[in-house]
């Protein structure tokens, strides 16, 4: 099929490249000429494992190209909306400026044969608004939420655990079935529903994941107060088939460009709909998540005998999660910046997110390696659970630090290995020894 993908950020670039890999003729559209130029040359402007290969293969096939000119998609049958929906600057609600801008840009080329498909995460009711907006063109609208995990986006696109179609007519459903024919033939489960349910699936999934993460972090607080061990507690809970082990690793909490802003936007939309009491618990979820960051700062200052001023802190990790260079709402950088504000000399290292971190926090110091970051440090913080840090030799790191003091804010390192190398090891929700 001939299709366009409007917005070539993390979601759009991945979707465009993967749709071309499935055999479709795809044109990626963006207002940023630099982004279009980079993608056209086969360069992914962010880190996502495997995407560079899919992008380059799709470009070579001739089935994928990028442009700033929406009229080049005049003959496309399907138009995917893949733009960002950040949090508004004046409220917790989602900013739909890019979504409505994308639809407005498409209006001149829409026909009764066109299908506009939303993939962006939006407040419930947005699809119906877009349908009203394009009604005069005769174009149809569908909602097809994305469920991408950063670090696994290519696999999640080409081998999804489910497809959700929010449609109002059989033609839209049939068109989407043609788009995803290869995936459906491979047995991917399909749920066909209405606009509202399709929109709610994504935000509900994110709200549930955020709840599970914050629950185990709340239990970590209880463990610290009682001498319990959150790792053993998590293992016991995960063995219950009703609960399962995923997202039960206590630590610094969630961040990134999805979960934090999505649960806030969900609460805001519930308020607009008059059902805010139904989602009041999400406010506590958000509070618990933010509290873990301050708790890590407090533990660090405690490890520095009550004052961070003039002390050197090594911060391992800047991305909000491993296998990503995304630093949006990163707990790691939040902690690093708070400690610098408290007077510490904070040196940051991350395997992939250094450039993005520098742009966002230019006042922090940065090191080319984890060992360089730890040099002369009074305390080392593990803030993003990159496997690179698991592979370090604790004795080698201890040899360059001022004090062999470690705070594992992700419960990711082998406590016995580090303690046997002489480290004072502290982890969130675990006993001191």
Protein backbone atom coordinates (compact mmCIF):
# COMPACT_ATOMS: atom_id res chain seq x y z
CA UNK A 1 0.00 0.00 0.00
CA UNK A 2 0.98 3.63 -0.45
CA UNK A 3 0.98 5.36 2.94
CA UNK A 4 2.32 8.40 4.75
CA UNK A 5 3.62 8.73 8.30
CA UNK A 6 3.25 12.24 9.67
CA UNK A 7 5.85 12.93 12.34
CA UNK A 8 9.23 11.18 12.23
CA UNK A 9 10.29 11.24 15.83
CA UNK A 10 10.75 8.09 17.88
CA UNK A 11 7.35 6.61 16.99
CA UNK A 12 7.08 7.86 13.43
CA UNK A 13 10.58 6.97 12.24
CA UNK A 14 10.21 3.47 13.64
CA UNK A 15 6.74 2.98 12.17
CA UNK A 16 7.74 4.31 8.75
CA UNK A 17 10.84 2.11 8.48
CA UNK A 18 9.00 -0.99 9.70
CA UNK A 19 5.99 -0.48 7.41
CA UNK A 20 8.41 -0.26 4.46
CA UNK A 21 10.09 -3.44 5.72
CA UNK A 22 6.67 -5.11 5.52
CA UNK A 23 6.51 -4.20 1.83
CA UNK A 24 4.54 -0.95 1.83
CA UNK A 25 5.47 2.22 -0.07
CA UNK A 26 6.00 4.76 2.71
CA UNK A 27 6.64 8.49 2.80
CA UNK A 28 7.69 10.01 6.12
CA UNK A 29 6.67 13.64 6.61
CA UNK A 30 8.16 16.09 9.09
CA UNK A 31 8.45 19.86 9.48
CA UNK A 32 12.09 19.58 10.60
CA UNK A 33 14.39 19.65 7.54
CA UNK A 34 17.39 18.45 9.57
CA UNK A 35 15.50 15.37 10.76
CA UNK A 36 14.30 14.62 7.23
CA UNK A 37 17.85 14.97 5.90
CA UNK A 38 19.27 12.67 8.57
CA UNK A 39 16.66 9.95 8.02
CA UNK A 40 17.00 10.25 4.25
CA UNK A 41 20.73 9.53 4.62
CA UNK A 42 20.03 6.46 6.76
CA UNK A 43 20.92 8.10 10.06
CA UNK A 44 18.58 7.61 13.01
CA UNK A 45 18.65 10.82 15.11
CA UNK A 46 18.17 8.88 18.35
CA UNK A 47 19.36 5.57 19.74
CA UNK A 48 17.11 2.56 19.18
CA UNK A 49 18.71 -0.89 18.79
CA UNK A 50 18.26 -2.33 15.30
CA UNK A 51 16.39 0.62 13.82
CA UNK A 52 19.37 1.85 11.78
CA UNK A 53 19.50 -1.48 9.94
CA UNK A 54 15.76 -1.50 9.17
CA UNK A 55 15.89 2.15 8.08
CA UNK A 56 18.84 1.64 5.75
CA UNK A 57 17.40 -1.55 4.25
CA UNK A 58 14.06 0.17 3.63
CA UNK A 59 15.74 3.17 1.99
CA UNK A 60 17.77 0.90 -0.29
CA UNK A 61 14.62 -0.97 -1.29
CA UNK A 62 13.15 2.24 -2.67
CA UNK A 63 10.00 1.77 -0.59
CA UNK A 64 10.82 4.53 1.92
CA UNK A 65 11.64 8.18 1.63
CA UNK A 66 11.22 11.32 3.72
CA UNK A 67 10.09 14.85 2.94
CA UNK A 68 8.90 18.14 4.41
CA UNK A 69 6.30 18.50 1.65
CA UNK A 70 2.97 16.93 2.57
CA UNK A 71 1.74 17.17 -1.03
CA UNK A 72 4.13 14.36 -1.93
CA UNK A 73 1.69 12.08 -0.09
CA UNK A 74 -1.28 13.09 -2.24
CA UNK A 75 -1.66 9.58 -3.64
CA UNK A 76 -1.34 7.81 -0.25
CA UNK A 77 -4.31 5.71 0.80
CA UNK A 78 -3.46 5.73 4.51
CA UNK A 79 -2.02 8.54 6.62
CA UNK A 80 -0.60 7.64 10.05
CA UNK A 81 -0.45 10.40 12.66
CA UNK A 82 2.67 9.76 14.78
CA UNK A 83 3.43 13.15 16.34
CA UNK A 84 4.21 13.86 19.98
CA UNK A 85 1.66 14.73 22.66
CA UNK A 86 3.77 16.31 25.42
CA UNK A 87 2.42 17.65 28.68
CA UNK A 88 1.15 21.22 28.43
CA UNK A 89 3.29 23.87 30.07
CA UNK A 90 0.35 25.30 32.01
CA UNK A 91 -1.39 22.11 33.17
CA UNK A 92 -1.01 18.31 33.44
CA UNK A 93 -3.13 17.86 30.30
CA UNK A 94 -1.76 16.64 26.98
CA UNK A 95 -0.77 19.24 24.41
CA UNK A 96 -2.49 18.26 21.16
CA UNK A 97 -1.01 21.08 19.09
CA UNK A 98 1.06 18.69 16.97
CA UNK A 99 -1.84 16.30 16.44
CA UNK A 100 -4.22 18.98 15.23
CA UNK A 101 -1.42 20.56 13.19
CA UNK A 102 -0.76 17.25 11.44
CA UNK A 103 -4.45 16.81 10.60
CA UNK A 104 -4.69 20.38 9.30
CA UNK A 105 -1.64 19.82 7.10
CA UNK A 106 -3.27 16.71 5.59
CA UNK A 107 -6.66 18.33 4.88
CA UNK A 108 -5.81 19.63 1.38
CA UNK A 109 -4.84 16.16 0.16
CA UNK A 110 -7.58 14.09 1.83
CA UNK A 111 -10.27 12.45 -0.28
CA UNK A 112 -13.19 10.09 0.41
CA UNK A 113 -10.77 7.22 -0.24
CA UNK A 114 -8.33 8.40 2.45
CA UNK A 115 -7.94 6.81 5.88
CA UNK A 116 -6.38 8.89 8.66
CA UNK A 117 -5.01 6.62 11.37
CA UNK A 118 -3.97 7.97 14.74
CA UNK A 119 -1.14 6.25 16.59
CA UNK A 120 -0.19 9.04 19.00
CA UNK A 121 -1.19 8.68 22.65
CA UNK A 122 -4.11 11.07 23.12
CA UNK A 123 -6.91 11.85 25.57
CA UNK A 124 -10.08 9.90 24.98
CA UNK A 125 -12.35 11.80 22.61
CA UNK A 126 -9.56 13.01 20.30
CA UNK A 127 -10.36 10.58 17.49
CA UNK A 128 -13.96 11.76 17.38
CA UNK A 129 -12.75 15.38 17.20
CA UNK A 130 -10.48 14.51 14.27
CA UNK A 131 -13.31 12.71 12.51
CA UNK A 132 -15.39 15.89 12.78
CA UNK A 133 -12.42 17.93 11.55
CA UNK A 134 -11.97 15.89 8.35
CA UNK A 135 -15.66 15.17 7.73
CA UNK A 136 -15.96 17.68 4.89
CA UNK A 137 -13.28 15.80 2.89
CA UNK A 138 -15.14 12.49 3.19
CA UNK A 139 -12.02 10.86 4.66
CA UNK A 140 -12.39 8.14 7.26
CA UNK A 141 -10.61 8.02 10.65
CA UNK A 142 -9.34 5.11 12.73
CA UNK A 143 -7.32 4.82 15.91
CA UNK A 144 -4.49 2.29 16.13
CA UNK A 145 -2.56 2.89 19.37
CA UNK A 146 1.14 2.07 19.59
CA UNK A 147 2.64 -0.09 22.34
CA UNK A 148 6.35 0.46 21.76
CA UNK A 149 8.96 -0.06 24.46
CA UNK A 150 12.07 2.03 24.00
CA UNK A 151 14.94 -0.36 23.38
CA UNK A 152 12.56 -2.89 21.76
CA UNK A 153 10.65 -0.70 19.30
CA UNK A 154 11.53 -2.56 16.12
CA UNK A 155 10.50 -5.93 17.51
CA UNK A 156 7.37 -4.42 19.07
CA UNK A 157 6.38 -3.04 15.65
CA UNK A 158 7.16 -6.11 13.58
CA UNK A 159 6.10 -8.67 16.20
CA UNK A 160 3.51 -6.93 18.41
CA UNK A 161 1.70 -8.72 21.21
CA UNK A 162 -1.61 -7.29 19.93
CA UNK A 163 -3.14 -4.93 17.40
CA UNK A 164 -6.02 -2.64 18.35
CA UNK A 165 -8.24 -0.98 15.73
CA UNK A 166 -10.67 1.72 16.79
CA UNK A 167 -13.01 2.12 13.82
CA UNK A 168 -16.48 3.26 12.84
CA UNK A 169 -16.92 1.30 9.61
CA UNK A 170 -16.00 -1.97 7.94
CA UNK A 171 -13.95 -0.26 5.22
CA UNK A 172 -11.55 1.21 7.77
CA UNK A 173 -11.17 -2.17 9.43
CA UNK A 174 -10.50 -3.87 6.11
CA UNK A 175 -7.90 -1.24 5.17
CA UNK A 176 -6.04 -1.70 8.45
CA UNK A 177 -6.17 -5.46 8.02
CA UNK A 178 -4.48 -4.96 4.66
CA UNK A 179 -1.82 -2.71 6.25
CA UNK A 180 -1.03 -5.36 8.86
CA UNK A 181 -1.73 -8.43 6.75
CA UNK A 182 1.71 -9.95 7.38
CA UNK A 183 1.42 -9.54 11.16
CA UNK A 184 -2.12 -10.93 11.23
CA UNK A 185 -1.02 -13.91 9.13
CA UNK A 186 1.65 -14.57 11.75
CA UNK A 187 -1.05 -14.86 14.42
CA UNK A 188 -0.92 -11.43 16.08
CA UNK A 189 -4.11 -11.05 18.16
CA UNK A 190 -6.49 -8.38 16.83
CA UNK A 191 -9.09 -6.43 18.79
CA UNK A 192 -11.52 -4.29 16.82
CA UNK A 193 -13.38 -1.72 18.88
CA UNK A 194 -14.70 1.86 18.98
CA UNK A 195 -12.65 5.06 19.09
CA UNK A 196 -12.92 5.61 22.84
CA UNK A 197 -11.87 2.11 23.83
CA UNK A 198 -8.91 2.16 21.44
CA UNK A 199 -7.73 5.46 22.93
CA UNK A 200 -8.20 4.16 26.47
CA UNK A 201 -6.24 0.95 25.86
CA UNK A 202 -2.92 2.77 25.63
CA UNK A 203 -3.35 5.18 28.54
CA UNK A 204 -4.84 2.42 30.70
CA UNK A 205 -1.87 0.16 29.98
CA UNK A 206 0.56 2.92 30.93
CA UNK A 207 -1.41 3.72 34.07
CA UNK A 208 -1.37 0.07 35.11
CA UNK A 209 2.39 -0.26 34.55
CA UNK A 210 3.01 2.95 36.49
CA UNK A 211 0.85 1.61 39.31
CA UNK A 212 2.78 -1.66 39.48
CA UNK A 213 6.15 0.12 39.51
CA UNK A 214 5.08 2.58 42.19
CA UNK A 215 3.51 -0.18 44.27
CA UNK A 216 6.78 -2.08 44.55
CA UNK A 217 8.62 1.15 45.26
CA UNK A 218 6.17 1.88 48.07
CA UNK A 219 6.91 -1.58 49.45
CA UNK A 220 10.63 -0.72 49.26
CA UNK A 221 9.96 2.21 51.58
CA UNK A 222 8.26 -0.17 54.01
CA UNK A 223 11.18 -2.60 53.74
CA UNK A 224 13.65 0.13 54.63
CA UNK A 225 11.59 1.03 57.68
CA UNK A 226 11.33 -2.57 58.88
CA UNK A 227 14.58 -4.21 57.77
CA UNK A 228 12.88 -6.23 55.05
CA UNK A 229 14.47 -7.08 51.70
CA UNK A 230 12.58 -5.80 48.67
CA UNK A 231 14.31 -8.23 46.28
CA UNK A 232 13.06 -11.26 48.18
CA UNK A 233 9.64 -9.67 48.59
CA UNK A 234 9.47 -8.94 44.84
CA UNK A 235 10.45 -12.51 43.99
CA UNK A 236 7.75 -13.90 46.27
CA UNK A 237 5.11 -11.61 44.77
CA UNK A 238 6.19 -12.40 41.21
CA UNK A 239 5.76 -16.12 41.73
CA UNK A 240 2.05 -15.54 42.27
CA UNK A 241 0.51 -16.15 38.81
CA UNK A 242 -2.10 -13.48 39.53
CA UNK A 243 0.67 -10.87 39.86
CA UNK A 244 3.68 -11.97 37.79
CA UNK A 245 7.27 -10.75 38.05
CA UNK A 246 7.33 -8.01 35.40
CA UNK A 247 7.75 -4.41 36.56
CA UNK A 248 8.38 -5.49 40.14
CA UNK A 249 11.98 -4.28 40.38
CA UNK A 250 12.08 -1.59 43.04
CA UNK A 251 14.34 1.34 42.41
CA UNK A 252 14.48 4.93 41.28
CA UNK A 253 11.14 4.83 39.50
CA UNK A 254 9.90 5.51 35.99
CA UNK A 255 10.56 8.42 33.65
CA UNK A 256 10.76 9.05 29.94
CA UNK A 257 8.40 10.67 27.50
CA UNK A 258 5.40 8.38 28.08
CA UNK A 259 4.46 7.13 31.55
CA UNK A 260 4.83 10.36 33.58
CA UNK A 261 3.02 12.67 31.16
CA UNK A 262 0.46 10.03 30.15
CA UNK A 263 -0.80 9.36 33.68
CA UNK A 264 -1.01 13.11 34.34
CA UNK A 265 -2.92 13.66 31.10
CA UNK A 266 -5.21 10.74 31.98
CA UNK A 267 -6.04 12.36 35.32
CA UNK A 268 -6.62 15.71 33.64
CA UNK A 269 -8.98 14.19 31.07
CA UNK A 270 -10.87 12.33 33.80
CA UNK A 271 -11.42 15.68 35.51
CA UNK A 272 -12.79 17.17 32.30
CA UNK A 273 -15.17 14.22 31.99
CA UNK A 274 -16.34 14.56 35.60
CA UNK A 275 -14.90 11.20 36.70
CA UNK A 276 -11.73 12.51 38.37
CA UNK A 277 -12.41 10.49 41.54
CA UNK A 278 -11.99 7.27 39.53
CA UNK A 279 -8.34 8.10 38.87
CA UNK A 280 -7.38 9.88 42.08
CA UNK A 281 -5.08 6.96 42.93
CA UNK A 282 -2.84 7.98 40.02
CA UNK A 283 -1.90 11.13 41.93
CA UNK A 284 -0.44 8.90 44.65
CA UNK A 285 1.32 6.82 41.99
CA UNK A 286 2.97 9.97 40.62
CA UNK A 287 3.89 11.15 44.13
CA UNK A 288 5.52 7.82 45.03
CA UNK A 289 7.51 7.90 41.81
CA UNK A 290 8.84 11.41 42.39
CA UNK A 291 9.54 10.60 46.05
CA UNK A 292 12.02 7.87 45.04
CA UNK A 293 14.22 10.48 43.41
CA UNK A 294 14.40 12.63 46.52
CA UNK A 295 14.97 9.55 48.64
CA UNK A 296 18.02 8.67 46.52
CA UNK A 297 19.32 12.22 46.97
CA UNK A 298 18.79 11.90 50.73
CA UNK A 299 20.60 8.55 50.88
CA UNK A 300 23.52 10.06 48.97
CA UNK A 301 23.82 13.01 51.34
CA UNK A 302 23.61 10.59 54.27
CA UNK A 303 26.48 8.58 52.73
CA UNK A 304 28.43 11.84 52.54
CA UNK A 305 28.02 12.38 56.30
CA UNK A 306 25.28 14.94 55.96
CA UNK A 307 26.62 17.36 53.36
CA UNK A 308 27.19 17.16 49.62
CA UNK A 309 29.03 20.47 49.42
CA UNK A 310 32.45 20.06 47.88
CA UNK A 311 32.11 16.29 47.60
CA UNK A 312 32.51 14.38 44.34
CA UNK A 313 29.65 12.16 43.16
CA UNK A 314 29.82 9.73 40.24
CA UNK A 315 26.46 9.28 38.51
CA UNK A 316 26.30 6.17 36.35
CA UNK A 317 23.42 6.62 33.96
CA UNK A 318 21.60 9.55 32.38
CA UNK A 319 18.93 7.90 30.20
CA UNK A 320 15.60 7.17 31.84
CA UNK A 321 16.11 3.47 31.05
CA UNK A 322 18.81 1.27 29.51
CA UNK A 323 19.03 0.67 25.74
CA UNK A 324 17.83 4.22 25.09
CA UNK A 325 19.31 7.70 24.78
CA UNK A 326 16.05 9.32 25.94
CA UNK A 327 16.60 11.69 28.87
CA UNK A 328 13.09 13.13 29.05
CA UNK A 329 11.95 13.24 32.67
CA UNK A 330 14.94 11.05 33.54
CA UNK A 331 15.09 10.08 37.23
CA UNK A 332 18.88 9.70 36.87
CA UNK A 333 19.40 13.27 35.73
CA UNK A 334 16.89 14.56 38.27
CA UNK A 335 19.04 13.05 41.06
CA UNK A 336 22.28 14.30 39.51
CA UNK A 337 20.94 17.84 39.16
CA UNK A 338 19.55 17.86 42.71
CA UNK A 339 22.92 16.79 44.13
CA UNK A 340 24.70 19.47 42.13
CA UNK A 341 22.21 21.98 43.53
CA UNK A 342 23.17 20.71 46.98
CA UNK A 343 26.80 21.61 46.27
CA UNK A 344 28.26 18.34 44.99
CA UNK A 345 30.62 18.01 42.06
CA UNK A 346 28.58 15.52 40.00
CA UNK A 347 30.22 13.64 37.12
CA UNK A 348 27.84 11.77 34.80
CA UNK A 349 28.48 8.86 32.48
CA UNK A 350 26.06 7.05 30.18
CA UNK A 351 26.80 4.63 27.32
CA UNK A 352 24.38 6.35 24.91
CA UNK A 353 22.71 9.44 26.35
CA UNK A 354 25.66 11.78 26.97
CA UNK A 355 24.89 14.25 24.16
CA UNK A 356 21.21 14.53 25.10
CA UNK A 357 22.12 14.91 28.78
CA UNK A 358 24.61 17.68 28.01
CA UNK A 359 21.99 19.61 26.05
CA UNK A 360 19.47 19.35 28.87
CA UNK A 361 21.88 19.77 31.81
CA UNK A 362 24.95 21.66 30.56
CA UNK A 363 26.01 22.58 34.11
CA UNK A 364 26.74 18.95 35.06
CA UNK A 365 30.17 17.42 34.42
CA UNK A 366 30.53 14.45 32.08
CA UNK A 367 33.09 11.66 31.77
CA UNK A 368 34.00 9.49 28.79
CA UNK A 369 33.86 6.26 30.79
CA UNK A 370 32.31 4.86 33.95
CA UNK A 371 35.80 4.56 35.45
CA UNK A 372 36.58 8.20 34.69
CA UNK A 373 33.31 9.27 36.29
CA UNK A 374 34.24 7.34 39.45
CA UNK A 375 37.74 8.82 39.70
CA UNK A 376 38.21 10.48 43.12
CA UNK A 377 34.50 10.03 43.87
CA UNK A 378 33.27 10.05 47.45
CA UNK A 379 30.22 8.03 46.41
CA UNK A 380 29.13 6.23 43.23
CA UNK A 381 25.46 6.12 42.20
CA UNK A 382 24.01 3.50 39.86
CA UNK A 383 21.08 5.43 38.36
CA UNK A 384 20.36 3.64 35.05
CA UNK A 385 20.70 -0.15 34.91
CA UNK A 386 22.85 -0.46 31.79
CA UNK A 387 24.45 -3.91 31.58
CA UNK A 388 27.75 -2.11 30.99
CA UNK A 389 27.88 -1.29 34.68
CA UNK A 390 27.27 -4.92 35.67
CA UNK A 391 30.39 -5.86 33.74
CA UNK A 392 32.68 -3.52 35.67
CA UNK A 393 35.30 -4.92 38.06
CA UNK A 394 34.42 -3.61 41.55
CA UNK A 395 38.07 -3.79 42.65
CA UNK A 396 39.20 -1.76 39.63
CA UNK A 397 36.58 0.89 40.34
CA UNK A 398 37.48 0.99 44.04
CA UNK A 399 41.10 1.67 43.13
CA UNK A 400 40.23 5.02 41.53
CA UNK A 401 37.65 6.30 44.03
CA UNK A 402 38.28 8.35 47.14
CA UNK A 403 35.81 6.16 49.04
CA UNK A 404 34.39 2.79 47.98
CA UNK A 405 30.81 3.82 48.67
CA UNK A 406 28.02 2.75 46.31
CA UNK A 407 24.30 3.44 46.16
CA UNK A 408 22.51 1.10 43.76
CA UNK A 409 19.32 3.00 43.00
CA UNK A 410 18.17 0.32 40.55
CA UNK A 411 18.88 -2.88 42.52
CA UNK A 412 20.80 -4.04 39.47
CA UNK A 413 24.29 -4.94 40.74
CA UNK A 414 25.51 -8.09 42.49
CA UNK A 415 25.60 -6.98 46.11
CA UNK A 416 27.89 -9.82 47.28
CA UNK A 417 30.40 -9.15 44.50
CA UNK A 418 30.68 -5.48 45.34
CA UNK A 419 30.75 -5.92 49.10
CA UNK A 420 33.42 -8.61 48.86
CA UNK A 421 35.55 -6.07 46.96
CA UNK A 422 35.38 -3.75 49.96
CA UNK A 423 32.48 -1.54 48.95
CA UNK A 424 29.94 -0.04 51.30
CA UNK A 425 26.86 -1.01 49.33
CA UNK A 426 23.43 0.57 49.80
CA UNK A 427 20.39 -0.24 47.67
CA UNK A 428 16.85 1.08 47.81
CA UNK A 429 14.65 -1.22 49.86
CA UNK A 430 17.44 -3.56 51.01
CA UNK A 431 19.17 -4.09 54.36
CA UNK A 432 22.50 -2.38 54.93
CA UNK A 433 24.26 -5.73 55.37
